[in-house]
């Protein structure tokens, strides 16, 4: 979709990042919180950044989602640790923000003819 606005997958990814970040922070039952945290900390940022690439192979794309998500989480956690500001809440917020920013970048790609 070019020139017609944001596609549904991009919007859904950004909204999911926002909703799951808030849900993780306000507290959920432990099993649900683990699933939400995994999504916010690894899967959603990885998916948002993988969508910025031109990769069309499904297996490579799945690997890219995990690799980008884990690499970003490692970088964010390391920087927070060295700046002595690490907390799991700050990490959730940062990874949610990275996901939303990647969705905005993807929306700009989609809007470009």
Protein backbone atom coordinates (compact mmCIF):
# COMPACT_ATOMS: atom_id res chain seq x y z
CA UNK A 1 0.00 0.00 0.00
CA UNK A 2 1.74 3.17 -1.09
CA UNK A 3 0.52 6.66 -0.47
CA UNK A 4 -2.64 5.43 1.25
CA UNK A 5 -1.55 5.66 4.86
CA UNK A 6 -0.41 3.11 7.38
CA UNK A 7 -1.08 -0.58 6.73
CA UNK A 8 -2.97 -2.65 9.27
CA UNK A 9 0.03 -4.84 10.23
CA UNK A 10 2.12 -1.76 11.02
CA UNK A 11 -0.67 -0.18 13.06
CA UNK A 12 -1.40 -3.46 14.86
CA UNK A 13 2.27 -3.91 15.75
CA UNK A 14 2.54 -0.41 17.20
CA UNK A 15 -0.69 -0.72 19.16
CA UNK A 16 0.31 -4.17 20.45
CA UNK A 17 3.61 -2.73 21.69
CA UNK A 18 1.79 0.04 23.51
CA UNK A 19 -0.88 -2.21 25.01
CA UNK A 20 1.48 -4.99 26.08
CA UNK A 21 3.97 -2.52 27.57
CA UNK A 22 1.23 -1.02 29.73
CA UNK A 23 -0.14 -4.48 30.61
CA UNK A 24 3.32 -5.67 31.63
CA UNK A 25 3.89 -2.61 33.82
CA UNK A 26 0.53 -2.66 35.62
CA UNK A 27 0.92 -6.30 36.46
CA UNK A 28 -0.73 -9.43 35.20
CA UNK A 29 -0.88 -12.95 36.56
CA UNK A 30 2.64 -14.39 36.34
CA UNK A 31 2.17 -16.65 33.28
CA UNK A 32 0.50 -13.86 31.29
CA UNK A 33 3.13 -11.35 32.38
CA UNK A 34 5.89 -13.67 31.14
CA UNK A 35 4.23 -13.95 27.73
CA UNK A 36 3.61 -10.20 27.51
CA UNK A 37 7.18 -9.40 28.58
CA UNK A 38 8.63 -11.80 26.00
CA UNK A 39 6.52 -10.18 23.31
CA UNK A 40 7.46 -6.62 24.30
CA UNK A 41 11.12 -7.31 24.96
CA UNK A 42 11.99 -9.56 22.01
CA UNK A 43 9.29 -10.41 19.48
CA UNK A 44 7.60 -7.07 18.79
CA UNK A 45 10.80 -5.00 18.44
CA UNK A 46 12.34 -7.73 16.29
CA UNK A 47 9.27 -7.91 14.05
CA UNK A 48 9.06 -4.12 13.74
CA UNK A 49 12.73 -3.86 12.74
CA UNK A 50 12.62 -6.90 10.44
CA UNK A 51 9.77 -5.25 8.54
CA UNK A 52 12.16 -2.40 7.69
CA UNK A 53 14.26 -4.79 5.61
CA UNK A 54 13.53 -6.20 2.16
CA UNK A 55 13.74 -9.84 3.31
CA UNK A 56 10.94 -11.93 1.79
CA UNK A 57 12.03 -15.46 2.78
CA UNK A 58 9.84 -16.65 5.68
CA UNK A 59 12.53 -18.67 7.49
CA UNK A 60 15.11 -15.89 7.20
CA UNK A 61 12.52 -13.36 8.34
CA UNK A 62 11.70 -15.43 11.45
CA UNK A 63 15.39 -15.73 12.28
CA UNK A 64 15.82 -12.00 11.72
CA UNK A 65 12.95 -11.23 14.14
CA UNK A 66 14.66 -13.19 16.92
CA UNK A 67 18.15 -11.91 16.14
CA UNK A 68 17.13 -8.24 15.94
CA UNK A 69 14.94 -8.49 19.04
CA UNK A 70 17.62 -10.16 21.16
CA UNK A 71 20.38 -7.87 19.86
CA UNK A 72 18.35 -4.76 20.62
CA UNK A 73 17.41 -6.02 24.08
CA UNK A 74 21.07 -6.80 24.79
CA UNK A 75 22.19 -3.35 23.65
CA UNK A 76 19.48 -1.53 25.62
CA UNK A 77 20.13 -3.56 28.78
CA UNK A 78 23.90 -3.10 28.52
CA UNK A 79 23.63 0.66 28.07
CA UNK A 80 21.22 0.93 31.00
CA UNK A 81 23.49 -1.23 33.14
CA UNK A 82 26.57 0.87 32.41
CA UNK A 83 24.65 4.10 33.02
CA UNK A 84 23.42 2.60 36.32
CA UNK A 85 19.78 3.17 35.37
CA UNK A 86 18.76 -0.43 34.67
CA UNK A 87 15.31 -1.51 35.78
CA UNK A 88 12.98 -3.97 34.14
CA UNK A 89 10.30 -1.26 33.89
CA UNK A 90 12.65 1.10 32.06
CA UNK A 91 13.68 -1.74 29.77
CA UNK A 92 10.03 -2.53 28.92
CA UNK A 93 9.31 1.14 28.20
CA UNK A 94 12.43 1.52 26.07
CA UNK A 95 11.76 -1.61 24.02
CA UNK A 96 8.13 -0.55 23.53
CA UNK A 97 9.32 2.86 22.36
CA UNK A 98 11.83 1.28 19.95
CA UNK A 99 9.01 -0.85 18.52
CA UNK A 100 6.77 2.18 18.03
CA UNK A 101 9.61 4.16 16.41
CA UNK A 102 10.31 1.26 14.03
CA UNK A 103 6.60 1.20 13.16
CA UNK A 104 6.71 4.92 12.43
CA UNK A 105 9.73 4.37 10.18
CA UNK A 106 7.87 1.55 8.41
CA UNK A 107 4.81 3.78 7.96
CA UNK A 108 7.05 6.36 6.30
CA UNK A 109 8.42 3.66 4.00
CA UNK A 110 4.87 2.62 3.12
CA UNK A 111 3.89 6.21 2.37
CA UNK A 112 6.79 6.69 -0.02
CA UNK A 113 5.84 5.86 -3.61
